[in-house]
Amino acid sequence: MPILKTSSVQILFGNGDIGVRIVGNKKLKTGAVQFTRIDPVPIGTELEKGEMLSLNDAPVTLGFNKVKSLDVVINQLIKLRNVITGGEERLTREELSNKESHSFDR
């Protein structure tokens, strides 16, 4: 299914007040990335594992039913990273998978 809500949501990263969590189901091979507002912490701080949010609890949720779709988003984010940094710097899949729950900047 395409975009589920019609209102526009914009997240501005840069202040350490956006929490990023993942939820997944290995059996169904599905998962999601959830973005929530948190009290500011240093960017990249690993968040404590807390109560699981339902898909409707987070203001922004990106849901994935296929790994290929997730790879498309990851590749676009890597391209954006290269634009911002002016380089070809890339994170390996291992580095990406080691980051389960983090604060990203808002």
N, C-alpha and C. Protein backbone atom coordinates (compact mmCIF):
# COMPACT_ATOMS: atom_id res chain seq x y z
N MET A 1 0.85 -1.17 0.00
CA MET A 1 0.00 0.00 0.00
C MET A 1 0.89 1.23 0.00
N PRO A 2 0.49 2.24 -0.68
CA PRO A 2 1.29 3.47 -0.72
C PRO A 2 1.17 4.26 0.59
N ILE A 3 1.34 5.53 0.50
CA ILE A 3 1.29 6.40 1.68
C ILE A 3 -0.11 6.32 2.29
N LEU A 4 -0.16 6.06 3.60
CA LEU A 4 -1.43 5.80 4.26
C LEU A 4 -2.15 7.04 4.76
N LYS A 5 -1.44 8.08 5.09
CA LYS A 5 -2.07 9.31 5.58
C LYS A 5 -1.85 10.43 4.57
N THR A 6 -2.78 11.32 4.50
CA THR A 6 -2.67 12.38 3.50
C THR A 6 -1.99 13.64 4.02
N SER A 7 -1.89 13.81 5.33
CA SER A 7 -1.24 15.02 5.85
C SER A 7 0.27 14.87 5.74
N SER A 8 0.92 15.97 5.52
CA SER A 8 2.37 15.98 5.36
C SER A 8 3.06 16.03 6.73
N VAL A 9 4.02 15.17 6.93
CA VAL A 9 4.81 15.18 8.15
C VAL A 9 6.26 15.41 7.76
N GLN A 10 6.89 16.36 8.40
CA GLN A 10 8.29 16.65 8.13
C GLN A 10 9.06 16.52 9.43
N ILE A 11 10.21 15.87 9.35
CA ILE A 11 11.08 15.72 10.52
C ILE A 11 12.39 16.43 10.19
N LEU A 12 12.82 17.31 11.07
CA LEU A 12 14.09 18.00 10.88
C LEU A 12 15.09 17.42 11.88
N PHE A 13 16.11 16.76 11.36
CA PHE A 13 17.14 16.15 12.20
C PHE A 13 18.26 17.14 12.44
N GLY A 14 18.89 17.07 13.62
CA GLY A 14 20.04 17.92 13.88
C GLY A 14 20.22 18.33 15.33
N ASN A 15 19.26 18.03 16.22
CA ASN A 15 19.36 18.47 17.61
C ASN A 15 19.34 17.33 18.63
N GLY A 16 19.33 16.08 18.17
CA GLY A 16 19.34 14.95 19.10
C GLY A 16 18.02 14.71 19.81
N ASP A 17 16.93 15.22 19.24
CA ASP A 17 15.64 15.04 19.91
C ASP A 17 14.66 14.18 19.11
N ILE A 18 15.19 13.37 18.19
CA ILE A 18 14.38 12.40 17.47
C ILE A 18 14.90 11.01 17.82
N GLY A 19 14.03 10.20 18.39
CA GLY A 19 14.39 8.82 18.70
C GLY A 19 14.01 7.94 17.53
N VAL A 20 14.88 6.99 17.22
CA VAL A 20 14.64 6.07 16.11
C VAL A 20 14.66 4.66 16.67
N ARG A 21 13.59 3.93 16.44
CA ARG A 21 13.49 2.54 16.90
C ARG A 21 13.07 1.65 15.74
N ILE A 22 13.47 0.40 15.84
CA ILE A 22 13.00 -0.56 14.85
C ILE A 22 12.12 -1.59 15.52
N VAL A 23 11.18 -2.09 14.77
CA VAL A 23 10.35 -3.21 15.20
C VAL A 23 10.32 -4.18 14.03
N GLY A 24 10.31 -5.45 14.34
CA GLY A 24 10.32 -6.42 13.26
C GLY A 24 9.71 -7.74 13.67
N ASN A 25 9.35 -8.51 12.67
CA ASN A 25 8.79 -9.83 12.88
C ASN A 25 9.51 -10.78 11.93
N LYS A 26 10.42 -11.59 12.48
CA LYS A 26 11.20 -12.50 11.65
C LYS A 26 10.32 -13.52 10.93
N LYS A 27 9.29 -13.99 11.62
CA LYS A 27 8.40 -14.99 11.03
C LYS A 27 7.69 -14.43 9.79
N LEU A 28 7.18 -13.21 9.90
CA LEU A 28 6.47 -12.58 8.78
C LEU A 28 7.40 -11.87 7.81
N LYS A 29 8.68 -11.73 8.21
CA LYS A 29 9.68 -11.02 7.41
C LYS A 29 9.24 -9.60 7.09
N THR A 30 8.77 -8.92 8.13
CA THR A 30 8.36 -7.53 7.99
C THR A 30 9.03 -6.71 9.09
N GLY A 31 9.05 -5.42 8.90
CA GLY A 31 9.62 -4.56 9.93
C GLY A 31 9.27 -3.12 9.69
N ALA A 32 9.65 -2.30 10.65
CA ALA A 32 9.37 -0.87 10.55
C ALA A 32 10.43 -0.07 11.30
N VAL A 33 10.59 1.16 10.88
CA VAL A 33 11.43 2.13 11.57
C VAL A 33 10.47 3.19 12.09
N GLN A 34 10.57 3.50 13.38
CA GLN A 34 9.68 4.48 13.99
C GLN A 34 10.48 5.67 14.49
N PHE A 35 9.93 6.84 14.26
CA PHE A 35 10.55 8.09 14.69
C PHE A 35 9.64 8.74 15.73
N THR A 36 10.20 9.05 16.89
CA THR A 36 9.44 9.72 17.94
C THR A 36 10.27 10.87 18.51
N ARG A 37 9.57 11.83 19.09
CA ARG A 37 10.27 12.95 19.73
C ARG A 37 10.71 12.51 21.12
N ILE A 38 11.95 12.85 21.47
CA ILE A 38 12.51 12.51 22.78
C ILE A 38 13.16 13.76 23.38
N ASP A 39 13.48 13.69 24.67
CA ASP A 39 14.27 14.76 25.25
C ASP A 39 15.64 14.74 24.59
N PRO A 40 16.21 15.90 24.29
CA PRO A 40 17.48 15.95 23.56
C PRO A 40 18.60 15.18 24.28
N VAL A 41 19.34 14.42 23.50
CA VAL A 41 20.53 13.70 23.95
C VAL A 41 21.59 13.92 22.88
N PRO A 42 22.87 13.65 23.20
CA PRO A 42 23.88 13.78 22.16
C PRO A 42 23.53 12.89 20.95
N ILE A 43 23.74 13.42 19.77
CA ILE A 43 23.40 12.70 18.55
C ILE A 43 24.16 11.38 18.52
N GLY A 44 23.42 10.31 18.22
CA GLY A 44 24.02 8.98 18.14
C GLY A 44 23.97 8.19 19.43
N THR A 45 23.43 8.79 20.48
CA THR A 45 23.30 8.09 21.76
C THR A 45 22.40 6.87 21.59
N GLU A 46 22.88 5.72 22.08
CA GLU A 46 22.05 4.52 22.00
C GLU A 46 20.96 4.64 23.06
N LEU A 47 19.74 4.45 22.63
CA LEU A 47 18.61 4.58 23.53
C LEU A 47 18.38 3.28 24.27
N GLU A 48 17.87 3.39 25.49
CA GLU A 48 17.52 2.19 26.25
C GLU A 48 16.35 1.52 25.56
N LYS A 49 16.38 0.19 25.62
CA LYS A 49 15.23 -0.54 25.05
C LYS A 49 14.06 -0.30 25.97
N GLY A 50 13.02 0.26 25.42
CA GLY A 50 11.86 0.58 26.21
C GLY A 50 10.66 -0.21 25.74
N GLU A 51 9.54 0.28 26.13
CA GLU A 51 8.28 -0.34 25.76
C GLU A 51 8.10 -0.30 24.24
N MET A 52 7.68 -1.41 23.68
CA MET A 52 7.43 -1.46 22.24
C MET A 52 6.25 -0.57 21.89
N LEU A 53 6.39 0.16 20.82
CA LEU A 53 5.30 1.00 20.33
C LEU A 53 4.52 0.21 19.28
N SER A 54 3.23 0.41 19.25
CA SER A 54 2.48 -0.18 18.15
C SER A 54 2.74 0.69 16.92
N LEU A 55 2.40 0.18 15.76
CA LEU A 55 2.65 0.93 14.54
C LEU A 55 1.94 2.27 14.52
N ASN A 56 0.84 2.40 15.26
CA ASN A 56 0.08 3.65 15.26
C ASN A 56 0.52 4.63 16.34
N ASP A 57 1.44 4.23 17.24
CA ASP A 57 1.86 5.09 18.33
C ASP A 57 2.91 6.12 17.93
N ALA A 58 3.74 5.80 16.96
CA ALA A 58 4.80 6.72 16.55
C ALA A 58 4.23 7.72 15.54
N PRO A 59 4.64 8.98 15.63
CA PRO A 59 4.16 9.97 14.67
C PRO A 59 4.56 9.64 13.23
N VAL A 60 5.73 8.99 13.09
CA VAL A 60 6.20 8.61 11.75
C VAL A 60 6.69 7.17 11.80
N THR A 61 6.16 6.34 10.93
CA THR A 61 6.58 4.95 10.83
C THR A 61 6.81 4.61 9.36
N LEU A 62 7.97 4.03 9.07
CA LEU A 62 8.25 3.52 7.73
C LEU A 62 8.16 2.01 7.82
N GLY A 63 7.20 1.41 7.14
CA GLY A 63 7.01 -0.03 7.19
C GLY A 63 7.58 -0.71 5.95
N PHE A 64 8.15 -1.89 6.15
CA PHE A 64 8.77 -2.62 5.05
C PHE A 64 8.30 -4.06 5.03
N ASN A 65 7.85 -4.51 3.86
CA ASN A 65 7.44 -5.90 3.67
C ASN A 65 8.45 -6.68 2.84
N LYS A 66 9.40 -5.97 2.24
CA LYS A 66 10.43 -6.61 1.43
C LYS A 66 11.77 -5.94 1.70
N VAL A 67 12.81 -6.77 1.81
CA VAL A 67 14.16 -6.25 2.05
C VAL A 67 14.59 -5.34 0.91
N LYS A 68 14.17 -5.65 -0.29
CA LYS A 68 14.53 -4.83 -1.45
C LYS A 68 14.05 -3.39 -1.27
N SER A 69 12.86 -3.21 -0.70
CA SER A 69 12.34 -1.86 -0.44
C SER A 69 13.19 -1.15 0.60
N LEU A 70 13.60 -1.88 1.63
CA LEU A 70 14.46 -1.31 2.66
C LEU A 70 15.80 -0.89 2.05
N ASP A 71 16.36 -1.73 1.17
CA ASP A 71 17.63 -1.42 0.52
C ASP A 71 17.54 -0.15 -0.32
N VAL A 72 16.38 0.09 -0.96
CA VAL A 72 16.21 1.31 -1.75
C VAL A 72 16.31 2.54 -0.84
N VAL A 73 15.65 2.49 0.30
CA VAL A 73 15.69 3.63 1.24
C VAL A 73 17.11 3.82 1.77
N ILE A 74 17.77 2.73 2.15
CA ILE A 74 19.14 2.81 2.65
C ILE A 74 20.05 3.43 1.60
N ASN A 75 19.93 2.99 0.35
CA ASN A 75 20.78 3.53 -0.71
C ASN A 75 20.54 5.01 -0.93
N GLN A 76 19.28 5.45 -0.84
CA GLN A 76 18.99 6.87 -1.00
C GLN A 76 19.58 7.68 0.16
N LEU A 77 19.51 7.12 1.37
CA LEU A 77 20.11 7.81 2.52
C LEU A 77 21.62 7.89 2.39
N ILE A 78 22.24 6.86 1.86
CA ILE A 78 23.69 6.88 1.63
C ILE A 78 24.03 7.96 0.60
N LYS A 79 23.24 8.06 -0.46
CA LYS A 79 23.47 9.11 -1.46
C LYS A 79 23.34 10.49 -0.82
N LEU A 80 22.32 10.67 0.04
CA LEU A 80 22.13 11.94 0.73
C LEU A 80 23.32 12.23 1.63
N ARG A 81 23.81 11.21 2.33
CA ARG A 81 24.98 11.37 3.19
C ARG A 81 26.18 11.87 2.37
N ASN A 82 26.35 11.29 1.18
CA ASN A 82 27.44 11.71 0.32
C ASN A 82 27.28 13.15 -0.15
N VAL A 83 26.06 13.57 -0.42
CA VAL A 83 25.81 14.96 -0.81
C VAL A 83 26.18 15.89 0.34
N ILE A 84 25.74 15.54 1.55
CA ILE A 84 25.98 16.40 2.71
C ILE A 84 27.46 16.44 3.07
N THR A 85 28.13 15.29 3.02
CA THR A 85 29.54 15.24 3.42
C THR A 85 30.48 15.58 2.28
N GLY A 86 29.95 15.58 1.05
CA GLY A 86 30.79 15.87 -0.10
C GLY A 86 31.73 14.74 -0.44
N GLY A 87 31.44 13.54 0.00
CA GLY A 87 32.34 12.42 -0.24
C GLY A 87 31.64 11.15 -0.61
N GLU A 88 32.43 10.12 -0.66
CA GLU A 88 31.93 8.78 -0.98
C GLU A 88 31.88 7.91 0.26
N GLU A 89 31.85 8.52 1.42
CA GLU A 89 31.84 7.79 2.67
C GLU A 89 30.60 6.91 2.75
N ARG A 90 30.79 5.63 3.12
CA ARG A 90 29.67 4.70 3.22
C ARG A 90 29.78 3.88 4.49
N LEU A 91 28.64 3.56 5.05
CA LEU A 91 28.60 2.62 6.16
C LEU A 91 28.39 1.23 5.59
N THR A 92 29.08 0.25 6.16
CA THR A 92 28.87 -1.12 5.72
C THR A 92 27.55 -1.62 6.28
N ARG A 93 27.03 -2.71 5.71
CA ARG A 93 25.80 -3.30 6.23
C ARG A 93 25.96 -3.69 7.69
N GLU A 94 27.17 -4.17 8.05
CA GLU A 94 27.42 -4.57 9.44
C GLU A 94 27.32 -3.34 10.36
N GLU A 95 27.91 -2.24 9.95
CA GLU A 95 27.82 -1.02 10.75
C GLU A 95 26.37 -0.57 10.88
N LEU A 96 25.61 -0.67 9.79
CA LEU A 96 24.20 -0.29 9.83
C LEU A 96 23.41 -1.21 10.74
N SER A 97 23.66 -2.52 10.68
CA SER A 97 22.88 -3.47 11.48
C SER A 97 23.23 -3.39 12.96
N ASN A 98 24.40 -2.87 13.30
CA ASN A 98 24.79 -2.72 14.70
C ASN A 98 24.08 -1.56 15.37
N LYS A 99 23.42 -0.74 14.60
CA LYS A 99 22.72 0.43 15.12
C LYS A 99 21.24 0.11 15.23
N GLU A 100 20.80 -0.44 16.36
CA GLU A 100 19.41 -0.89 16.49
C GLU A 100 18.47 0.24 16.88
N SER A 101 18.85 1.00 17.88
CA SER A 101 17.95 2.03 18.39
C SER A 101 18.79 3.24 18.76
N HIS A 102 18.62 4.32 18.05
CA HIS A 102 19.46 5.49 18.26
C HIS A 102 18.67 6.78 18.24
N SER A 103 19.30 7.77 18.81
CA SER A 103 18.78 9.12 18.67
C SER A 103 19.43 9.70 17.43
N PHE A 104 18.61 10.21 16.56
CA PHE A 104 19.13 10.98 15.45
C PHE A 104 18.73 12.41 15.72
N ASP A 105 19.43 13.28 15.09
CA ASP A 105 19.20 14.69 15.32
C ASP A 105 17.90 15.15 14.73
N ARG A 106 17.37 16.11 15.36
CA ARG A 106 16.18 16.73 14.77
C ARG A 106 16.51 18.14 14.41
